[in-house]
Amino acid sequence: MSKLKRALSALSAVSLLAPLMIGIAASPAMAAPAGGKSAVKKNLGDVMVLMETTKGPIKLVIYKSEVPQTSYNFLDLVGKGFYNGLTFHRYEPGFCIQGGDPDGTGTGNYVDPKTNKVRRINLEIKPNLKHDAAGVLAMARSSDRNSASCQFYITLGQASFLDSDYAVFGRVVEGLDNVMALRKGDKMTKVTVVDGGK
């Protein structure tokens, strides 16, 4: 069985039980270099988020101008302090680190306290936002393409087989070495917006 078929088979098996969160990639010019620093020039309206973790800080650009619905969902949860203290519940070497599940099991979602309903968003894909390198930020979901809620993932390598199936909405611009050091059980101690864009 080819490497691609094995990976897709693994995703299919996992997606029914644990939503996959994968990061949004941008054009190659926006890729973060291996050292973790980046010369990324964010677009007007894009937002910078600082994710403090047990392995160190990670700075992310959120592509609010290109994927507004997906970005709003993530940034709204950041603003509510939703991610503070949550774990990374899934680690796949060379593939991704996944977090954002309030239950820590891979099956949890964000439940709006006012309505007591799970928030879900429609899949928002942009052809130029690809899983082209380590450090891509994207939304995880179940087998239903419109089931993303709060879980996300950050790629640990190129994962182009996920392009057009998962919503990429950001990228690591600093701290890629800290992303690569994350393992299952590590925590996001605090997640905050550090540059709100315009």
N, C-alpha and C. Protein backbone atom coordinates (compact mmCIF):
# COMPACT_ATOMS: atom_id res chain seq x y z
N MET A 1 0.85 -1.19 0.00
CA MET A 1 0.00 0.00 0.00
C MET A 1 0.89 1.24 0.00
N SER A 2 0.57 2.21 -0.85
CA SER A 2 1.40 3.42 -0.94
C SER A 2 1.29 4.24 0.34
N LYS A 3 2.29 5.13 0.53
CA LYS A 3 2.31 6.01 1.71
C LYS A 3 1.06 6.88 1.74
N LEU A 4 0.65 7.43 0.57
CA LEU A 4 -0.53 8.29 0.49
C LEU A 4 -1.78 7.51 0.86
N LYS A 5 -1.94 6.29 0.33
CA LYS A 5 -3.13 5.49 0.63
C LYS A 5 -3.19 5.14 2.11
N ARG A 6 -2.02 4.83 2.71
CA ARG A 6 -1.98 4.52 4.14
C ARG A 6 -2.41 5.73 4.96
N ALA A 7 -1.91 6.92 4.57
CA ALA A 7 -2.25 8.14 5.32
C ALA A 7 -3.73 8.45 5.21
N LEU A 8 -4.29 8.32 3.99
CA LEU A 8 -5.72 8.59 3.79
C LEU A 8 -6.57 7.59 4.55
N SER A 9 -6.13 6.33 4.55
CA SER A 9 -6.85 5.31 5.28
C SER A 9 -6.85 5.61 6.77
N ALA A 10 -5.70 6.05 7.28
CA ALA A 10 -5.61 6.39 8.70
C ALA A 10 -6.51 7.57 9.03
N LEU A 11 -6.55 8.56 8.14
CA LEU A 11 -7.41 9.73 8.37
C LEU A 11 -8.87 9.33 8.39
N SER A 12 -9.28 8.47 7.46
CA SER A 12 -10.67 8.04 7.41
C SER A 12 -11.07 7.33 8.68
N ALA A 13 -10.19 6.48 9.17
CA ALA A 13 -10.50 5.73 10.38
C ALA A 13 -10.58 6.65 11.59
N VAL A 14 -9.68 7.63 11.66
CA VAL A 14 -9.64 8.52 12.80
C VAL A 14 -10.75 9.56 12.75
N SER A 15 -11.11 10.03 11.53
CA SER A 15 -12.02 11.16 11.42
C SER A 15 -13.39 10.89 12.02
N LEU A 16 -13.82 9.64 12.06
CA LEU A 16 -15.12 9.33 12.63
C LEU A 16 -15.10 9.42 14.16
N LEU A 17 -13.92 9.19 14.74
CA LEU A 17 -13.81 9.20 16.20
C LEU A 17 -13.18 10.46 16.75
N ALA A 18 -12.22 11.01 16.01
CA ALA A 18 -11.51 12.20 16.51
C ALA A 18 -11.33 13.18 15.37
N PRO A 19 -12.01 14.33 15.43
CA PRO A 19 -11.88 15.32 14.36
C PRO A 19 -10.43 15.70 14.14
N LEU A 20 -10.11 15.96 12.87
CA LEU A 20 -8.75 16.33 12.51
C LEU A 20 -8.64 17.83 12.40
N MET A 21 -7.67 18.42 13.10
CA MET A 21 -7.44 19.85 13.01
C MET A 21 -6.17 20.06 12.23
N ILE A 22 -6.25 20.78 11.14
CA ILE A 22 -5.06 21.05 10.36
C ILE A 22 -4.99 22.51 10.01
N GLY A 23 -3.82 23.08 10.03
CA GLY A 23 -3.62 24.50 9.88
C GLY A 23 -3.76 25.00 8.48
N ILE A 24 -3.97 26.31 8.38
CA ILE A 24 -4.08 26.95 7.10
C ILE A 24 -2.71 27.32 6.61
N ALA A 25 -2.44 27.00 5.39
CA ALA A 25 -1.17 27.39 4.81
C ALA A 25 -1.39 28.56 3.89
N ALA A 26 -0.34 29.28 3.65
CA ALA A 26 -0.44 30.40 2.73
C ALA A 26 0.47 30.13 1.55
N SER A 27 0.66 31.13 0.73
CA SER A 27 1.55 30.99 -0.41
C SER A 27 2.96 30.72 0.10
N PRO A 28 3.83 30.13 -0.75
CA PRO A 28 5.18 29.81 -0.30
C PRO A 28 5.91 31.02 0.27
N ALA A 29 5.60 32.21 -0.18
CA ALA A 29 6.27 33.41 0.33
C ALA A 29 5.97 33.65 1.79
N MET A 30 4.89 33.03 2.30
CA MET A 30 4.51 33.24 3.69
C MET A 30 4.99 32.12 4.59
N ALA A 31 5.73 31.17 4.04
CA ALA A 31 6.18 30.04 4.84
C ALA A 31 7.18 30.49 5.90
N ALA A 32 7.08 29.89 7.06
CA ALA A 32 8.02 30.18 8.14
C ALA A 32 9.27 29.34 7.94
N PRO A 33 10.45 29.93 8.03
CA PRO A 33 11.67 29.14 7.89
C PRO A 33 11.86 28.17 9.06
N ALA A 34 12.70 27.18 8.84
CA ALA A 34 12.87 26.11 9.82
C ALA A 34 13.26 26.61 11.20
N GLY A 35 13.99 27.70 11.30
CA GLY A 35 14.43 28.21 12.58
C GLY A 35 13.32 28.78 13.44
N GLY A 36 12.15 29.03 12.86
CA GLY A 36 11.03 29.51 13.64
C GLY A 36 10.75 30.99 13.45
N LYS A 37 11.70 31.78 12.98
CA LYS A 37 11.46 33.20 12.72
C LYS A 37 10.93 33.32 11.29
N SER A 38 10.21 34.36 11.02
CA SER A 38 9.65 34.51 9.69
C SER A 38 9.66 35.95 9.25
N ALA A 39 9.80 36.14 7.94
CA ALA A 39 9.71 37.47 7.35
C ALA A 39 8.31 37.67 6.79
N VAL A 40 7.34 37.01 7.39
CA VAL A 40 5.96 37.08 6.91
C VAL A 40 5.47 38.52 6.91
N LYS A 41 4.87 38.91 5.81
CA LYS A 41 4.21 40.21 5.74
C LYS A 41 2.73 39.91 5.75
N LYS A 42 2.08 40.20 6.85
CA LYS A 42 0.67 39.87 6.94
C LYS A 42 -0.16 40.88 6.16
N ASN A 43 -1.28 40.41 5.63
CA ASN A 43 -2.19 41.27 4.90
C ASN A 43 -2.95 42.16 5.88
N LEU A 44 -3.39 43.31 5.40
CA LEU A 44 -4.21 44.20 6.20
C LEU A 44 -5.42 43.41 6.68
N GLY A 45 -5.69 43.45 7.95
CA GLY A 45 -6.84 42.72 8.49
C GLY A 45 -6.47 41.38 9.09
N ASP A 46 -5.29 40.83 8.74
CA ASP A 46 -4.88 39.57 9.35
C ASP A 46 -4.49 39.83 10.81
N VAL A 47 -4.52 38.78 11.59
CA VAL A 47 -4.36 38.90 13.05
C VAL A 47 -3.21 38.01 13.50
N MET A 48 -2.45 38.49 14.48
CA MET A 48 -1.39 37.69 15.09
C MET A 48 -1.85 37.19 16.45
N VAL A 49 -1.61 35.90 16.68
CA VAL A 49 -1.99 35.26 17.94
C VAL A 49 -0.75 34.66 18.58
N LEU A 50 -0.63 34.83 19.90
CA LEU A 50 0.44 34.21 20.65
C LEU A 50 -0.13 33.04 21.44
N MET A 51 0.40 31.85 21.17
CA MET A 51 -0.01 30.64 21.88
C MET A 51 1.14 30.23 22.81
N GLU A 52 0.94 30.44 24.09
CA GLU A 52 1.95 30.03 25.07
C GLU A 52 1.67 28.57 25.42
N THR A 53 2.71 27.73 25.32
CA THR A 53 2.54 26.30 25.57
C THR A 53 3.59 25.82 26.57
N THR A 54 3.43 24.59 27.01
CA THR A 54 4.40 23.99 27.93
C THR A 54 5.74 23.73 27.25
N LYS A 55 5.81 23.87 25.92
CA LYS A 55 7.08 23.72 25.20
C LYS A 55 7.61 25.07 24.71
N GLY A 56 6.92 26.17 25.08
CA GLY A 56 7.39 27.49 24.68
C GLY A 56 6.38 28.22 23.82
N PRO A 57 6.64 29.50 23.51
CA PRO A 57 5.68 30.32 22.76
C PRO A 57 5.66 30.00 21.27
N ILE A 58 4.46 30.16 20.70
CA ILE A 58 4.25 29.97 19.27
C ILE A 58 3.44 31.17 18.77
N LYS A 59 3.94 31.84 17.75
CA LYS A 59 3.23 32.98 17.19
C LYS A 59 2.64 32.56 15.85
N LEU A 60 1.36 32.88 15.66
CA LEU A 60 0.62 32.47 14.46
C LEU A 60 0.00 33.67 13.77
N VAL A 61 0.03 33.68 12.45
CA VAL A 61 -0.75 34.66 11.69
C VAL A 61 -2.06 33.98 11.33
N ILE A 62 -3.16 34.68 11.56
CA ILE A 62 -4.50 34.16 11.24
C ILE A 62 -5.01 34.92 10.03
N TYR A 63 -5.38 34.19 8.97
CA TYR A 63 -5.73 34.80 7.69
C TYR A 63 -7.19 35.27 7.67
N LYS A 64 -7.46 36.23 8.52
CA LYS A 64 -8.81 36.76 8.64
C LYS A 64 -9.33 37.35 7.33
N SER A 65 -8.43 37.94 6.56
CA SER A 65 -8.84 38.58 5.31
C SER A 65 -9.21 37.56 4.23
N GLU A 66 -8.66 36.35 4.31
CA GLU A 66 -8.94 35.35 3.27
C GLU A 66 -9.98 34.31 3.68
N VAL A 67 -10.01 33.95 4.94
CA VAL A 67 -10.99 32.96 5.42
C VAL A 67 -11.69 33.54 6.65
N PRO A 68 -12.56 34.51 6.44
CA PRO A 68 -13.15 35.26 7.56
C PRO A 68 -14.00 34.43 8.52
N GLN A 69 -14.78 33.49 8.01
CA GLN A 69 -15.65 32.70 8.89
C GLN A 69 -14.83 31.80 9.81
N THR A 70 -13.85 31.11 9.24
CA THR A 70 -13.01 30.20 10.02
C THR A 70 -12.17 31.00 11.02
N SER A 71 -11.64 32.12 10.57
CA SER A 71 -10.84 32.97 11.45
C SER A 71 -11.68 33.52 12.59
N TYR A 72 -12.89 34.00 12.28
CA TYR A 72 -13.76 34.55 13.32
C TYR A 72 -14.03 33.49 14.39
N ASN A 73 -14.32 32.27 13.97
CA ASN A 73 -14.61 31.20 14.92
C ASN A 73 -13.43 31.00 15.88
N PHE A 74 -12.23 30.89 15.33
CA PHE A 74 -11.04 30.67 16.15
C PHE A 74 -10.77 31.87 17.06
N LEU A 75 -10.81 33.07 16.48
CA LEU A 75 -10.50 34.28 17.26
C LEU A 75 -11.54 34.56 18.34
N ASP A 76 -12.78 34.22 18.07
CA ASP A 76 -13.83 34.37 19.08
C ASP A 76 -13.53 33.47 20.28
N LEU A 77 -13.11 32.23 20.00
CA LEU A 77 -12.78 31.30 21.08
C LEU A 77 -11.54 31.76 21.84
N VAL A 78 -10.56 32.31 21.10
CA VAL A 78 -9.37 32.86 21.77
C VAL A 78 -9.80 33.98 22.71
N GLY A 79 -10.66 34.88 22.23
CA GLY A 79 -11.14 35.99 23.04
C GLY A 79 -11.89 35.57 24.29
N LYS A 80 -12.56 34.43 24.22
CA LYS A 80 -13.31 33.91 25.37
C LYS A 80 -12.39 33.19 26.37
N GLY A 81 -11.10 33.01 25.99
CA GLY A 81 -10.19 32.25 26.86
C GLY A 81 -10.43 30.75 26.79
N PHE A 82 -11.15 30.31 25.76
CA PHE A 82 -11.55 28.91 25.62
C PHE A 82 -10.35 27.96 25.59
N TYR A 83 -9.30 28.34 24.89
CA TYR A 83 -8.16 27.43 24.70
C TYR A 83 -7.20 27.40 25.89
N ASN A 84 -7.30 28.36 26.79
CA ASN A 84 -6.37 28.42 27.93
C ASN A 84 -6.48 27.16 28.79
N GLY A 85 -5.37 26.46 28.91
CA GLY A 85 -5.32 25.26 29.75
C GLY A 85 -5.67 23.96 29.04
N LEU A 86 -6.11 24.04 27.77
CA LEU A 86 -6.45 22.80 27.04
C LEU A 86 -5.18 22.07 26.58
N THR A 87 -5.30 20.77 26.39
CA THR A 87 -4.16 19.95 25.99
C THR A 87 -4.13 19.75 24.48
N PHE A 88 -2.96 19.32 24.03
CA PHE A 88 -2.83 18.75 22.69
C PHE A 88 -3.07 17.26 22.89
N HIS A 89 -4.16 16.76 22.31
CA HIS A 89 -4.57 15.38 22.59
C HIS A 89 -4.11 14.38 21.54
N ARG A 90 -3.52 14.87 20.45
CA ARG A 90 -3.11 13.96 19.38
C ARG A 90 -1.77 14.40 18.82
N TYR A 91 -0.85 13.46 18.73
CA TYR A 91 0.46 13.70 18.11
C TYR A 91 0.73 12.60 17.11
N GLU A 92 0.96 12.99 15.86
CA GLU A 92 1.30 12.04 14.80
C GLU A 92 2.64 12.48 14.24
N PRO A 93 3.73 11.77 14.54
CA PRO A 93 5.07 12.18 14.09
C PRO A 93 5.13 12.45 12.60
N GLY A 94 5.70 13.59 12.24
CA GLY A 94 5.85 13.96 10.84
C GLY A 94 4.57 14.41 10.17
N PHE A 95 3.46 14.41 10.91
CA PHE A 95 2.17 14.76 10.30
C PHE A 95 1.54 15.97 10.99
N CYS A 96 1.08 15.80 12.26
CA CYS A 96 0.42 16.94 12.92
C CYS A 96 0.38 16.78 14.43
N ILE A 97 0.16 17.92 15.07
CA ILE A 97 -0.17 17.99 16.49
C ILE A 97 -1.54 18.64 16.55
N GLN A 98 -2.47 18.05 17.31
CA GLN A 98 -3.86 18.50 17.32
C GLN A 98 -4.31 18.86 18.73
N GLY A 99 -5.07 19.94 18.84
CA GLY A 99 -5.57 20.38 20.14
C GLY A 99 -6.88 21.12 20.01
N GLY A 100 -7.30 21.72 21.13
CA GLY A 100 -8.52 22.52 21.12
C GLY A 100 -9.78 21.78 21.52
N ASP A 101 -9.64 20.55 22.00
CA ASP A 101 -10.80 19.77 22.43
C ASP A 101 -11.00 19.97 23.93
N PRO A 102 -12.15 20.53 24.35
CA PRO A 102 -12.37 20.76 25.78
C PRO A 102 -12.44 19.48 26.60
N ASP A 103 -12.74 18.36 25.94
CA ASP A 103 -12.81 17.07 26.63
C ASP A 103 -11.46 16.34 26.65
N GLY A 104 -10.55 16.75 25.76
CA GLY A 104 -9.24 16.11 25.69
C GLY A 104 -9.26 14.72 25.09
N THR A 105 -10.34 14.36 24.40
CA THR A 105 -10.49 13.01 23.87
C THR A 105 -10.42 12.95 22.35
N GLY A 106 -10.55 14.11 21.68
CA GLY A 106 -10.62 14.12 20.22
C GLY A 106 -12.04 14.14 19.70
N THR A 107 -13.02 14.09 20.60
CA THR A 107 -14.42 14.08 20.17
C THR A 107 -15.21 15.29 20.67
N GLY A 108 -14.56 16.18 21.43
CA GLY A 108 -15.27 17.32 22.01
C GLY A 108 -15.46 18.48 21.06
N ASN A 109 -16.44 19.33 21.36
CA ASN A 109 -16.77 20.51 20.56
C ASN A 109 -17.01 21.70 21.49
N TYR A 110 -17.12 22.89 20.87
CA TYR A 110 -17.48 24.07 21.64
C TYR A 110 -19.00 24.12 21.74
N VAL A 111 -19.51 24.20 22.96
CA VAL A 111 -20.95 24.32 23.19
C VAL A 111 -21.23 25.74 23.67
N ASP A 112 -22.06 26.46 22.93
CA ASP A 112 -22.42 27.83 23.28
C ASP A 112 -23.21 27.81 24.58
N PRO A 113 -22.72 28.49 25.63
CA PRO A 113 -23.42 28.45 26.92
C PRO A 113 -24.79 29.12 26.89
N LYS A 114 -25.01 30.04 25.93
CA LYS A 114 -26.30 30.72 25.85
C LYS A 114 -27.39 29.83 25.24
N THR A 115 -27.00 29.04 24.23
CA THR A 115 -27.99 28.21 23.53
C THR A 115 -27.88 26.73 23.89
N ASN A 116 -26.76 26.35 24.53
CA ASN A 116 -26.47 24.96 24.84
C ASN A 116 -26.37 24.09 23.58
N LYS A 117 -25.99 24.73 22.47
CA LYS A 117 -25.83 24.02 21.20
C LYS A 117 -24.37 24.04 20.77
N VAL A 118 -23.97 22.97 20.08
CA VAL A 118 -22.61 22.88 19.54
C VAL A 118 -22.48 23.87 18.39
N ARG A 119 -21.40 24.64 18.42
CA ARG A 119 -21.12 25.53 17.29
C ARG A 119 -20.37 24.75 16.23
N ARG A 120 -20.88 24.80 15.01
CA ARG A 120 -20.20 24.18 13.87
C ARG A 120 -20.10 25.22 12.76
N ILE A 121 -19.04 25.13 11.97
CA ILE A 121 -18.88 26.07 10.87
C ILE A 121 -18.72 25.31 9.55
N ASN A 122 -19.12 25.96 8.47
CA ASN A 122 -18.99 25.36 7.14
C ASN A 122 -17.53 25.36 6.71
N LEU A 123 -17.18 24.38 5.90
CA LEU A 123 -15.83 24.29 5.36
C LEU A 123 -15.55 25.50 4.47
N GLU A 124 -14.44 26.18 4.74
CA GLU A 124 -14.06 27.40 4.01
C GLU A 124 -12.67 27.15 3.41
N ILE A 125 -12.64 26.93 2.11
CA ILE A 125 -11.40 26.57 1.42
C ILE A 125 -10.97 27.69 0.47
N LYS A 126 -9.68 27.98 0.47
CA LYS A 126 -9.09 28.89 -0.51
C LYS A 126 -7.99 28.12 -1.23
N PRO A 127 -8.01 28.09 -2.56
CA PRO A 127 -7.03 27.29 -3.31
C PRO A 127 -5.58 27.63 -3.02
N ASN A 128 -5.29 28.88 -2.64
CA ASN A 128 -3.90 29.27 -2.39
C ASN A 128 -3.43 28.92 -0.98
N LEU A 129 -4.33 28.48 -0.12
CA LEU A 129 -3.95 28.11 1.24
C LEU A 129 -3.80 26.60 1.32
N LYS A 130 -2.57 26.15 1.39
CA LYS A 130 -2.27 24.73 1.26
C LYS A 130 -1.49 24.19 2.47
N HIS A 131 -1.53 22.89 2.60
CA HIS A 131 -0.76 22.17 3.62
C HIS A 131 0.63 21.88 3.04
N ASP A 132 1.40 22.95 2.81
CA ASP A 132 2.61 22.82 2.01
C ASP A 132 3.90 22.67 2.82
N ALA A 133 3.80 22.73 4.15
CA ALA A 133 5.01 22.66 4.97
C ALA A 133 4.62 22.45 6.43
N ALA A 134 5.61 22.27 7.27
CA ALA A 134 5.35 22.26 8.71
C ALA A 134 4.92 23.66 9.13
N GLY A 135 4.01 23.73 10.11
CA GLY A 135 3.58 25.01 10.65
C GLY A 135 2.28 25.55 10.09
N VAL A 136 1.58 24.77 9.30
CA VAL A 136 0.29 25.20 8.75
C VAL A 136 -0.79 24.94 9.80
N LEU A 137 -1.66 25.92 9.99
CA LEU A 137 -2.74 25.83 10.98
C LEU A 137 -4.06 25.61 10.27
N ALA A 138 -4.81 24.59 10.68
CA ALA A 138 -6.08 24.28 10.03
C ALA A 138 -7.08 23.73 11.03
N MET A 139 -8.35 23.70 10.61
CA MET A 139 -9.43 23.20 11.46
C MET A 139 -9.59 21.70 11.29
N ALA A 140 -9.77 21.03 12.40
CA ALA A 140 -10.10 19.61 12.40
C ALA A 140 -11.60 19.46 12.29
N ARG A 141 -12.04 18.31 11.84
CA ARG A 141 -13.48 18.05 11.69
C ARG A 141 -13.70 16.55 11.65
N SER A 142 -14.98 16.15 11.63
CA SER A 142 -15.32 14.73 11.48
C SER A 142 -15.45 14.44 9.99
N SER A 143 -16.07 13.34 9.64
CA SER A 143 -16.26 13.00 8.23
C SER A 143 -17.21 13.97 7.53
N ASP A 144 -18.01 14.69 8.30
CA ASP A 144 -18.89 15.74 7.75
C ASP A 144 -18.03 16.97 7.46
N ARG A 145 -17.99 17.40 6.21
CA ARG A 145 -17.12 18.52 5.81
C ARG A 145 -17.49 19.82 6.53
N ASN A 146 -18.71 19.94 7.03
CA ASN A 146 -19.17 21.15 7.69
C ASN A 146 -19.34 20.94 9.20
N SER A 147 -18.40 20.22 9.81
CA SER A 147 -18.53 19.89 11.24
C SER A 147 -17.45 20.48 12.12
N ALA A 148 -16.56 21.32 11.57
CA ALA A 148 -15.51 21.91 12.41
C ALA A 148 -16.14 22.74 13.52
N SER A 149 -15.52 22.70 14.69
CA SER A 149 -16.06 23.42 15.84
C SER A 149 -14.96 24.23 16.53
N CYS A 150 -14.09 23.55 17.26
CA CYS A 150 -13.05 24.25 18.03
C CYS A 150 -11.68 23.60 17.90
N GLN A 151 -11.63 22.36 17.44
CA GLN A 151 -10.35 21.67 17.34
C GLN A 151 -9.57 22.13 16.11
N PHE A 152 -8.26 22.20 16.28
CA PHE A 152 -7.38 22.61 15.19
C PHE A 152 -6.15 21.72 15.19
N TYR A 153 -5.40 21.80 14.13
CA TYR A 153 -4.13 21.09 14.10
C TYR A 153 -3.07 21.97 13.44
N ILE A 154 -1.83 21.66 13.75
CA ILE A 154 -0.67 22.31 13.13
C ILE A 154 0.15 21.21 12.49
N THR A 155 0.47 21.38 11.20
CA THR A 155 1.22 20.34 10.50
C THR A 155 2.66 20.28 10.99
N LEU A 156 3.22 19.08 10.94
CA LEU A 156 4.62 18.85 11.30
C LEU A 156 5.44 18.52 10.06
N GLY A 157 4.81 18.65 8.91
CA GLY A 157 5.45 18.40 7.63
C GLY A 157 4.43 18.69 6.54
N GLN A 158 4.84 18.56 5.31
CA GLN A 158 3.93 18.78 4.19
C GLN A 158 2.84 17.72 4.20
N ALA A 159 1.59 18.13 3.94
CA ALA A 159 0.45 17.19 3.95
C ALA A 159 -0.53 17.58 2.84
N SER A 160 -0.04 17.62 1.62
CA SER A 160 -0.84 18.12 0.49
C SER A 160 -2.08 17.28 0.21
N PHE A 161 -2.11 16.03 0.67
CA PHE A 161 -3.29 15.19 0.44
C PHE A 161 -4.51 15.72 1.19
N LEU A 162 -4.32 16.68 2.11
CA LEU A 162 -5.44 17.27 2.84
C LEU A 162 -5.97 18.55 2.18
N ASP A 163 -5.25 19.05 1.18
CA ASP A 163 -5.68 20.27 0.49
C ASP A 163 -7.09 20.09 -0.07
N SER A 164 -7.89 21.13 0.03
CA SER A 164 -9.28 21.17 -0.45
C SER A 164 -10.25 20.35 0.40
N ASP A 165 -9.77 19.72 1.45
CA ASP A 165 -10.65 18.96 2.34
C ASP A 165 -10.70 19.51 3.76
N TYR A 166 -9.69 20.28 4.14
CA TYR A 166 -9.63 20.86 5.48
C TYR A 166 -9.28 22.35 5.36
N ALA A 167 -9.89 23.15 6.22
CA ALA A 167 -9.76 24.61 6.13
C ALA A 167 -8.48 25.11 6.78
N VAL A 168 -7.56 25.54 5.94
CA VAL A 168 -6.34 26.19 6.40
C VAL A 168 -6.69 27.65 6.71
N PHE A 169 -6.28 28.13 7.91
CA PHE A 169 -6.63 29.51 8.26
C PHE A 169 -5.48 30.27 8.90
N GLY A 170 -4.29 29.72 8.93
CA GLY A 170 -3.16 30.42 9.51
C GLY A 170 -1.87 29.65 9.35
N ARG A 171 -0.81 30.24 9.92
CA ARG A 171 0.50 29.62 9.84
C ARG A 171 1.38 30.10 10.98
N VAL A 172 2.26 29.23 11.43
CA VAL A 172 3.25 29.59 12.45
C VAL A 172 4.26 30.55 11.83
N VAL A 173 4.51 31.68 12.52
CA VAL A 173 5.50 32.63 12.04
C VAL A 173 6.69 32.74 12.98
N GLU A 174 6.53 32.29 14.21
CA GLU A 174 7.65 32.20 15.17
C GLU A 174 7.38 31.02 16.09
N GLY A 175 8.46 30.33 16.48
CA GLY A 175 8.32 29.22 17.43
C GLY A 175 8.04 27.88 16.78
N LEU A 176 8.43 27.72 15.51
CA LEU A 176 8.20 26.43 14.86
C LEU A 176 8.95 25.31 15.58
N ASP A 177 10.11 25.63 16.14
CA ASP A 177 10.86 24.62 16.91
C ASP A 177 10.05 24.15 18.11
N ASN A 178 9.27 25.05 18.71
CA ASN A 178 8.42 24.67 19.84
C ASN A 178 7.25 23.79 19.38
N VAL A 179 6.71 24.10 18.21
CA VAL A 179 5.66 23.24 17.63
C VAL A 179 6.19 21.83 17.45
N MET A 180 7.39 21.72 16.88
CA MET A 180 7.96 20.41 16.59
C MET A 180 8.26 19.62 17.87
N ALA A 181 8.40 20.32 18.99
CA ALA A 181 8.68 19.65 20.27
C ALA A 181 7.41 19.22 21.00
N LEU A 182 6.23 19.70 20.56
CA LEU A 182 4.98 19.35 21.25
C LEU A 182 4.68 17.87 21.14
N ARG A 183 4.07 17.33 22.20
CA ARG A 183 3.66 15.92 22.23
C ARG A 183 2.27 15.84 22.87
N LYS A 184 1.63 14.70 22.73
CA LYS A 184 0.35 14.46 23.36
C LYS A 184 0.46 14.73 24.87
N GLY A 185 -0.48 15.51 25.39
CA GLY A 185 -0.47 15.84 26.81
C GLY A 185 0.09 17.22 27.12
N ASP A 186 0.86 17.81 26.18
CA ASP A 186 1.32 19.19 26.38
C ASP A 186 0.12 20.13 26.37
N LYS A 187 0.29 21.30 26.99
CA LYS A 187 -0.84 22.23 27.14
C LYS A 187 -0.60 23.57 26.49
N MET A 188 -1.72 24.21 26.15
CA MET A 188 -1.74 25.63 25.81
C MET A 188 -2.03 26.34 27.13
N THR A 189 -1.05 27.04 27.67
CA THR A 189 -1.28 27.70 28.96
C THR A 189 -2.09 28.97 28.78
N LYS A 190 -1.85 29.70 27.68
CA LYS A 190 -2.58 30.93 27.41
C LYS A 190 -2.51 31.23 25.92
N VAL A 191 -3.65 31.62 25.34
CA VAL A 191 -3.71 31.97 23.92
C VAL A 191 -4.34 33.37 23.83
N THR A 192 -3.61 34.31 23.21
CA THR A 192 -4.11 35.68 23.15
C THR A 192 -3.83 36.30 21.79
N VAL A 193 -4.65 37.30 21.43
CA VAL A 193 -4.41 38.10 20.24
C VAL A 193 -3.37 39.16 20.60
N VAL A 194 -2.30 39.26 19.80
CA VAL A 194 -1.27 40.26 20.09
C VAL A 194 -1.23 41.37 19.05
N ASP A 195 -1.86 41.17 17.91
CA ASP A 195 -1.99 42.20 16.89
C ASP A 195 -3.32 41.95 16.19
N GLY A 196 -4.27 42.82 16.44
CA GLY A 196 -5.63 42.60 15.96
C GLY A 196 -5.91 42.96 14.53
N GLY A 197 -4.92 43.43 13.77
CA GLY A 197 -5.16 43.81 12.39
C GLY A 197 -6.03 45.05 12.32
N LYS A 198 -6.64 45.25 11.17
CA LYS A 198 -7.48 46.45 10.99
C LYS A 198 -8.84 46.06 10.48
